[in-house]
Amino acid sequence: MNVLKYNGQEAFPRRPDIYVQNRRERKAYIIDITIVKDEKISKVYINKVNKYGTLLNMILKDKELKYVRIIPIILTINGFVHKKSLYELKNELKINIKFDIIIKNVLVKEMKDLMYYTTNENINL
C-alpha cells in the first residue's frame, strides 16, 4: 500500500491522483478523480472531500502555503459530472471543458442503443 508522507510524517494511507503546488502563489491543490454509478455521485463527492481533510490540514500547517484546496472530479459511468467538480475545474483551475457537448453525445448514444435494443427485442416501453 502506498503511504503519502508529508514533511516526514505519514499523512494518509492512499495518495490523491494529482497534487499540484504553485510555490510562487503559495497555493496547492489535491485532485482526486473517480468514476461512479449515477446514484452515488453526491455521496462520493462528499467522501472525497472528507477523505483528504487530514492531508489538507497537514499541508496548511506548512508555513510556505497560504491556500490548499481539495478538488474531487467525480464522473459517472454514463458521462455525467458532479456540478461542484465542474465549478472547481472552471473557477479554481481555469479549465473550461465542454462537458455539455460530451454529455449530449453520451445521451444520444445511449438513446440509440436503447432504441436498437427495443426494436430488435420487440419490447414496448
N, C-alpha and C. Protein backbone atom coordinates (compact mmCIF):
# COMPACT_ATOMS: atom_id res chain seq x y z
N MET A 1 0.85 -1.18 0.00
CA MET A 1 0.00 0.00 0.00
C MET A 1 0.89 1.24 0.00
N ASN A 2 0.59 2.19 -0.85
CA ASN A 2 1.32 3.45 -0.88
C ASN A 2 0.92 4.31 0.31
N VAL A 3 1.90 4.89 0.97
CA VAL A 3 1.62 5.79 2.08
C VAL A 3 2.17 7.16 1.71
N LEU A 4 1.32 8.15 1.73
CA LEU A 4 1.75 9.51 1.41
C LEU A 4 2.39 10.11 2.64
N LYS A 5 3.61 10.57 2.50
CA LYS A 5 4.31 11.22 3.60
C LYS A 5 4.45 12.69 3.28
N TYR A 6 4.23 13.50 4.30
CA TYR A 6 4.37 14.94 4.14
C TYR A 6 5.24 15.45 5.28
N ASN A 7 6.34 16.08 4.96
CA ASN A 7 7.30 16.54 5.95
C ASN A 7 7.72 15.40 6.88
N GLY A 8 7.91 14.22 6.31
CA GLY A 8 8.39 13.08 7.08
C GLY A 8 7.33 12.36 7.89
N GLN A 9 6.09 12.85 7.87
CA GLN A 9 5.01 12.21 8.63
C GLN A 9 4.07 11.48 7.69
N GLU A 10 3.53 10.36 8.19
CA GLU A 10 2.53 9.64 7.40
C GLU A 10 1.27 10.48 7.37
N ALA A 11 0.85 10.87 6.18
CA ALA A 11 -0.31 11.75 6.05
C ALA A 11 -1.59 10.97 5.80
N PHE A 12 -1.49 9.99 4.95
CA PHE A 12 -2.70 9.25 4.58
C PHE A 12 -2.29 7.95 3.92
N PRO A 13 -3.06 6.89 4.14
CA PRO A 13 -2.66 5.60 3.55
C PRO A 13 -2.75 5.55 2.03
N ARG A 14 -3.46 6.47 1.43
CA ARG A 14 -3.56 6.48 -0.04
C ARG A 14 -3.20 7.85 -0.56
N ARG A 15 -2.67 7.86 -1.75
CA ARG A 15 -2.29 9.12 -2.38
C ARG A 15 -3.44 9.65 -3.24
N PRO A 16 -3.58 10.97 -3.31
CA PRO A 16 -4.54 11.53 -4.27
C PRO A 16 -4.00 11.29 -5.68
N ASP A 17 -4.87 11.36 -6.67
CA ASP A 17 -4.43 11.15 -8.05
C ASP A 17 -3.44 12.22 -8.49
N ILE A 18 -3.72 13.47 -8.10
CA ILE A 18 -2.86 14.58 -8.53
C ILE A 18 -2.67 15.54 -7.35
N TYR A 19 -1.44 15.97 -7.17
CA TYR A 19 -1.14 17.02 -6.19
C TYR A 19 -0.37 18.10 -6.94
N VAL A 20 -0.91 19.32 -6.94
CA VAL A 20 -0.28 20.43 -7.65
C VAL A 20 0.06 21.50 -6.62
N GLN A 21 1.30 21.99 -6.69
CA GLN A 21 1.69 23.06 -5.77
C GLN A 21 2.31 24.19 -6.57
N ASN A 22 1.78 25.38 -6.37
CA ASN A 22 2.29 26.59 -7.00
C ASN A 22 3.03 27.38 -5.92
N ARG A 23 4.34 27.26 -5.91
CA ARG A 23 5.13 27.91 -4.86
C ARG A 23 5.13 29.43 -4.97
N ARG A 24 5.06 29.93 -6.18
CA ARG A 24 5.06 31.38 -6.37
C ARG A 24 3.81 32.01 -5.75
N GLU A 25 2.65 31.39 -5.99
CA GLU A 25 1.40 31.90 -5.43
C GLU A 25 1.08 31.31 -4.06
N ARG A 26 1.91 30.36 -3.62
CA ARG A 26 1.73 29.68 -2.32
C ARG A 26 0.37 28.99 -2.22
N LYS A 27 0.01 28.29 -3.30
CA LYS A 27 -1.25 27.54 -3.36
C LYS A 27 -0.97 26.07 -3.68
N ALA A 28 -1.89 25.21 -3.26
CA ALA A 28 -1.79 23.79 -3.59
C ALA A 28 -3.19 23.23 -3.83
N TYR A 29 -3.23 22.19 -4.67
CA TYR A 29 -4.50 21.53 -4.99
C TYR A 29 -4.33 20.02 -4.84
N ILE A 30 -5.27 19.41 -4.14
CA ILE A 30 -5.35 17.96 -4.02
C ILE A 30 -6.48 17.54 -4.94
N ILE A 31 -6.16 16.80 -5.99
CA ILE A 31 -7.15 16.44 -7.00
C ILE A 31 -7.30 14.93 -7.03
N ASP A 32 -8.53 14.47 -6.92
CA ASP A 32 -8.80 13.03 -6.97
C ASP A 32 -9.93 12.79 -7.96
N ILE A 33 -9.71 11.89 -8.89
CA ILE A 33 -10.66 11.60 -9.97
C ILE A 33 -11.28 10.23 -9.74
N THR A 34 -12.61 10.17 -9.85
CA THR A 34 -13.32 8.92 -9.61
C THR A 34 -14.47 8.78 -10.60
N ILE A 35 -14.72 7.55 -11.02
CA ILE A 35 -15.89 7.24 -11.86
C ILE A 35 -16.81 6.35 -11.05
N VAL A 36 -18.09 6.74 -10.94
CA VAL A 36 -19.06 6.02 -10.10
C VAL A 36 -20.38 5.82 -10.84
N LYS A 37 -21.27 5.06 -10.23
CA LYS A 37 -22.64 4.95 -10.74
C LYS A 37 -23.35 6.28 -10.51
N ASP A 38 -24.32 6.58 -11.36
CA ASP A 38 -25.02 7.87 -11.30
C ASP A 38 -25.56 8.18 -9.91
N GLU A 39 -26.17 7.21 -9.26
CA GLU A 39 -26.84 7.46 -7.98
C GLU A 39 -25.87 7.72 -6.83
N LYS A 40 -24.59 7.48 -7.02
CA LYS A 40 -23.61 7.67 -5.94
C LYS A 40 -22.79 8.96 -6.09
N ILE A 41 -23.10 9.76 -7.08
CA ILE A 41 -22.25 10.91 -7.42
C ILE A 41 -22.09 11.90 -6.26
N SER A 42 -23.16 12.27 -5.57
CA SER A 42 -23.07 13.25 -4.48
C SER A 42 -22.38 12.67 -3.25
N LYS A 43 -22.72 11.44 -2.93
CA LYS A 43 -22.12 10.79 -1.76
C LYS A 43 -20.60 10.66 -1.93
N VAL A 44 -20.16 10.27 -3.10
CA VAL A 44 -18.73 10.09 -3.35
C VAL A 44 -18.01 11.44 -3.32
N TYR A 45 -18.64 12.48 -3.81
CA TYR A 45 -18.02 13.82 -3.76
C TYR A 45 -17.72 14.20 -2.31
N ILE A 46 -18.71 14.04 -1.44
CA ILE A 46 -18.54 14.37 -0.02
C ILE A 46 -17.47 13.49 0.61
N ASN A 47 -17.49 12.19 0.29
CA ASN A 47 -16.49 11.27 0.84
C ASN A 47 -15.07 11.67 0.45
N LYS A 48 -14.89 12.11 -0.79
CA LYS A 48 -13.55 12.53 -1.24
C LYS A 48 -13.07 13.76 -0.48
N VAL A 49 -13.96 14.72 -0.27
CA VAL A 49 -13.58 15.92 0.48
C VAL A 49 -13.17 15.53 1.90
N ASN A 50 -13.96 14.67 2.53
CA ASN A 50 -13.65 14.22 3.89
C ASN A 50 -12.38 13.38 3.94
N LYS A 51 -12.18 12.55 2.92
CA LYS A 51 -11.04 11.64 2.88
C LYS A 51 -9.71 12.38 2.94
N TYR A 52 -9.61 13.50 2.26
CA TYR A 52 -8.35 14.22 2.19
C TYR A 52 -8.28 15.42 3.13
N GLY A 53 -9.24 15.54 4.05
CA GLY A 53 -9.24 16.64 5.02
C GLY A 53 -8.00 16.65 5.90
N THR A 54 -7.58 15.47 6.37
CA THR A 54 -6.38 15.37 7.21
C THR A 54 -5.15 15.85 6.45
N LEU A 55 -5.03 15.41 5.21
CA LEU A 55 -3.89 15.82 4.39
C LEU A 55 -3.92 17.33 4.16
N LEU A 56 -5.10 17.87 3.90
CA LEU A 56 -5.23 19.31 3.69
C LEU A 56 -4.74 20.08 4.91
N ASN A 57 -5.15 19.65 6.10
CA ASN A 57 -4.73 20.33 7.32
C ASN A 57 -3.23 20.24 7.54
N MET A 58 -2.63 19.11 7.20
CA MET A 58 -1.18 18.97 7.34
C MET A 58 -0.45 19.91 6.39
N ILE A 59 -0.96 20.02 5.18
CA ILE A 59 -0.32 20.90 4.19
C ILE A 59 -0.50 22.36 4.58
N LEU A 60 -1.69 22.71 5.12
CA LEU A 60 -1.94 24.10 5.52
C LEU A 60 -1.02 24.55 6.65
N LYS A 61 -0.60 23.61 7.49
CA LYS A 61 0.30 23.95 8.58
C LYS A 61 1.69 24.33 8.06
N ASP A 62 1.95 23.94 6.85
CA ASP A 62 3.22 24.29 6.23
C ASP A 62 3.25 25.81 6.04
N LYS A 63 4.24 26.46 6.59
CA LYS A 63 4.29 27.93 6.57
C LYS A 63 4.48 28.52 5.17
N GLU A 64 4.84 27.68 4.20
CA GLU A 64 5.07 28.20 2.86
C GLU A 64 3.79 28.34 2.04
N LEU A 65 2.71 27.70 2.45
CA LEU A 65 1.47 27.75 1.67
C LEU A 65 0.39 28.52 2.42
N LYS A 66 -0.38 29.30 1.67
CA LYS A 66 -1.47 30.05 2.28
C LYS A 66 -2.84 29.51 1.86
N TYR A 67 -2.87 28.62 0.86
CA TYR A 67 -4.15 28.16 0.31
C TYR A 67 -4.01 26.74 -0.20
N VAL A 68 -4.88 25.84 0.28
CA VAL A 68 -4.91 24.45 -0.20
C VAL A 68 -6.36 24.10 -0.45
N ARG A 69 -6.61 23.46 -1.57
CA ARG A 69 -7.99 23.11 -1.95
C ARG A 69 -8.07 21.66 -2.37
N ILE A 70 -9.11 20.95 -1.89
CA ILE A 70 -9.41 19.59 -2.33
C ILE A 70 -10.37 19.71 -3.50
N ILE A 71 -10.02 19.09 -4.62
CA ILE A 71 -10.89 19.14 -5.80
C ILE A 71 -11.20 17.72 -6.25
N PRO A 72 -12.35 17.18 -5.81
CA PRO A 72 -12.76 15.87 -6.32
C PRO A 72 -13.38 16.04 -7.71
N ILE A 73 -12.92 15.27 -8.66
CA ILE A 73 -13.51 15.26 -10.00
C ILE A 73 -14.30 13.96 -10.09
N ILE A 74 -15.61 14.07 -9.99
CA ILE A 74 -16.48 12.89 -9.94
C ILE A 74 -17.26 12.80 -11.24
N LEU A 75 -17.02 11.71 -11.97
CA LEU A 75 -17.72 11.41 -13.21
C LEU A 75 -18.57 10.16 -12.99
N THR A 76 -19.65 10.04 -13.75
CA THR A 76 -20.45 8.82 -13.65
C THR A 76 -20.19 7.93 -14.87
N ILE A 77 -20.59 6.68 -14.74
CA ILE A 77 -20.39 5.73 -15.84
C ILE A 77 -21.18 6.13 -17.08
N ASN A 78 -22.17 7.01 -16.91
CA ASN A 78 -22.96 7.48 -18.04
C ASN A 78 -22.51 8.84 -18.55
N GLY A 79 -21.39 9.34 -18.04
CA GLY A 79 -20.82 10.56 -18.58
C GLY A 79 -21.20 11.85 -17.87
N PHE A 80 -21.91 11.77 -16.76
CA PHE A 80 -22.27 12.97 -16.04
C PHE A 80 -21.12 13.40 -15.13
N VAL A 81 -21.07 14.69 -14.84
CA VAL A 81 -20.01 15.25 -13.99
C VAL A 81 -20.68 16.00 -12.84
N HIS A 82 -20.18 15.80 -11.64
CA HIS A 82 -20.74 16.49 -10.48
C HIS A 82 -20.62 17.99 -10.69
N LYS A 83 -21.67 18.74 -10.36
CA LYS A 83 -21.69 20.18 -10.64
C LYS A 83 -20.60 20.92 -9.88
N LYS A 84 -20.24 20.47 -8.68
CA LYS A 84 -19.15 21.13 -7.95
C LYS A 84 -17.80 20.83 -8.60
N SER A 85 -17.68 19.66 -9.19
CA SER A 85 -16.44 19.33 -9.92
C SER A 85 -16.27 20.29 -11.10
N LEU A 86 -17.36 20.53 -11.82
CA LEU A 86 -17.30 21.48 -12.94
C LEU A 86 -16.93 22.87 -12.46
N TYR A 87 -17.54 23.28 -11.36
CA TYR A 87 -17.27 24.61 -10.80
C TYR A 87 -15.78 24.74 -10.45
N GLU A 88 -15.25 23.72 -9.78
CA GLU A 88 -13.84 23.75 -9.37
C GLU A 88 -12.91 23.77 -10.58
N LEU A 89 -13.24 22.97 -11.59
CA LEU A 89 -12.41 22.96 -12.80
C LEU A 89 -12.37 24.33 -13.46
N LYS A 90 -13.54 24.96 -13.57
CA LYS A 90 -13.63 26.25 -14.26
C LYS A 90 -13.05 27.39 -13.43
N ASN A 91 -13.40 27.44 -12.15
CA ASN A 91 -13.06 28.61 -11.35
C ASN A 91 -11.73 28.51 -10.61
N GLU A 92 -11.39 27.34 -10.13
CA GLU A 92 -10.12 27.19 -9.39
C GLU A 92 -8.96 26.92 -10.34
N LEU A 93 -9.16 25.96 -11.24
CA LEU A 93 -8.06 25.54 -12.11
C LEU A 93 -8.08 26.23 -13.47
N LYS A 94 -9.13 26.99 -13.73
CA LYS A 94 -9.27 27.73 -15.01
C LYS A 94 -9.26 26.80 -16.22
N ILE A 95 -9.91 25.63 -16.04
CA ILE A 95 -10.04 24.66 -17.12
C ILE A 95 -11.48 24.70 -17.59
N ASN A 96 -11.68 24.98 -18.86
CA ASN A 96 -13.03 25.06 -19.40
C ASN A 96 -13.26 23.89 -20.35
N ILE A 97 -13.93 22.88 -19.85
CA ILE A 97 -14.21 21.68 -20.65
C ILE A 97 -15.67 21.74 -21.08
N LYS A 98 -15.91 21.44 -22.32
CA LYS A 98 -17.27 21.47 -22.86
C LYS A 98 -18.00 20.17 -22.51
N PHE A 99 -18.27 19.98 -21.18
CA PHE A 99 -18.92 18.76 -20.73
C PHE A 99 -20.33 18.64 -21.26
N ASP A 100 -21.01 19.77 -21.50
CA ASP A 100 -22.37 19.69 -22.00
C ASP A 100 -22.42 18.99 -23.36
N ILE A 101 -21.43 19.23 -24.20
CA ILE A 101 -21.37 18.56 -25.50
C ILE A 101 -21.06 17.08 -25.32
N ILE A 102 -20.13 16.77 -24.44
CA ILE A 102 -19.78 15.37 -24.18
C ILE A 102 -20.99 14.62 -23.64
N ILE A 103 -21.71 15.22 -22.69
CA ILE A 103 -22.87 14.57 -22.09
C ILE A 103 -23.97 14.36 -23.13
N LYS A 104 -24.22 15.34 -23.98
CA LYS A 104 -25.23 15.19 -25.03
C LYS A 104 -24.88 14.03 -25.95
N ASN A 105 -23.60 13.91 -26.32
CA ASN A 105 -23.17 12.81 -27.18
C ASN A 105 -23.39 11.45 -26.50
N VAL A 106 -23.09 11.38 -25.22
CA VAL A 106 -23.29 10.13 -24.47
C VAL A 106 -24.77 9.79 -24.43
N LEU A 107 -25.62 10.77 -24.14
CA LEU A 107 -27.06 10.52 -24.06
C LEU A 107 -27.63 10.08 -25.41
N VAL A 108 -27.21 10.72 -26.48
CA VAL A 108 -27.68 10.33 -27.82
C VAL A 108 -27.28 8.89 -28.11
N LYS A 109 -26.05 8.52 -27.78
CA LYS A 109 -25.59 7.14 -27.99
C LYS A 109 -26.43 6.16 -27.17
N GLU A 110 -26.69 6.49 -25.91
CA GLU A 110 -27.49 5.62 -25.05
C GLU A 110 -28.91 5.47 -25.59
N MET A 111 -29.48 6.56 -26.08
CA MET A 111 -30.83 6.50 -26.64
C MET A 111 -30.85 5.63 -27.90
N LYS A 112 -29.84 5.76 -28.74
CA LYS A 112 -29.75 4.93 -29.95
C LYS A 112 -29.65 3.46 -29.57
N ASP A 113 -28.81 3.16 -28.59
CA ASP A 113 -28.66 1.77 -28.14
C ASP A 113 -29.96 1.22 -27.59
N LEU A 114 -30.68 2.03 -26.81
CA LEU A 114 -31.95 1.61 -26.25
C LEU A 114 -32.98 1.37 -27.36
N MET A 115 -33.02 2.28 -28.33
CA MET A 115 -33.96 2.12 -29.44
C MET A 115 -33.64 0.87 -30.25
N TYR A 116 -32.36 0.60 -30.48
CA TYR A 116 -31.94 -0.58 -31.21
C TYR A 116 -32.36 -1.84 -30.45
N TYR A 117 -32.12 -1.83 -29.13
CA TYR A 117 -32.44 -2.99 -28.30
C TYR A 117 -33.94 -3.26 -28.30
N THR A 118 -34.76 -2.21 -28.10
CA THR A 118 -36.20 -2.39 -28.02
C THR A 118 -36.77 -2.80 -29.39
N THR A 119 -36.17 -2.32 -30.46
CA THR A 119 -36.64 -2.69 -31.80
C THR A 119 -36.33 -4.14 -32.10
N ASN A 120 -35.13 -4.56 -31.81
CA ASN A 120 -34.71 -5.92 -32.12
C ASN A 120 -35.27 -6.97 -31.17
N GLU A 121 -35.67 -6.55 -29.98
CA GLU A 121 -36.21 -7.49 -29.00
C GLU A 121 -37.74 -7.44 -28.92
N ASN A 122 -38.35 -6.59 -29.75
CA ASN A 122 -39.80 -6.42 -29.77
C ASN A 122 -40.35 -6.09 -28.39
N ILE A 123 -39.72 -5.14 -27.74
CA ILE A 123 -40.16 -4.73 -26.41
C ILE A 123 -40.82 -3.35 -26.54
N ASN A 124 -41.95 -3.22 -25.92
CA ASN A 124 -42.64 -1.92 -25.91
C ASN A 124 -42.38 -1.25 -24.57
N LEU A 125 -41.95 0.00 -24.64
CA LEU A 125 -41.72 0.77 -23.41
C LEU A 125 -42.89 1.66 -23.12
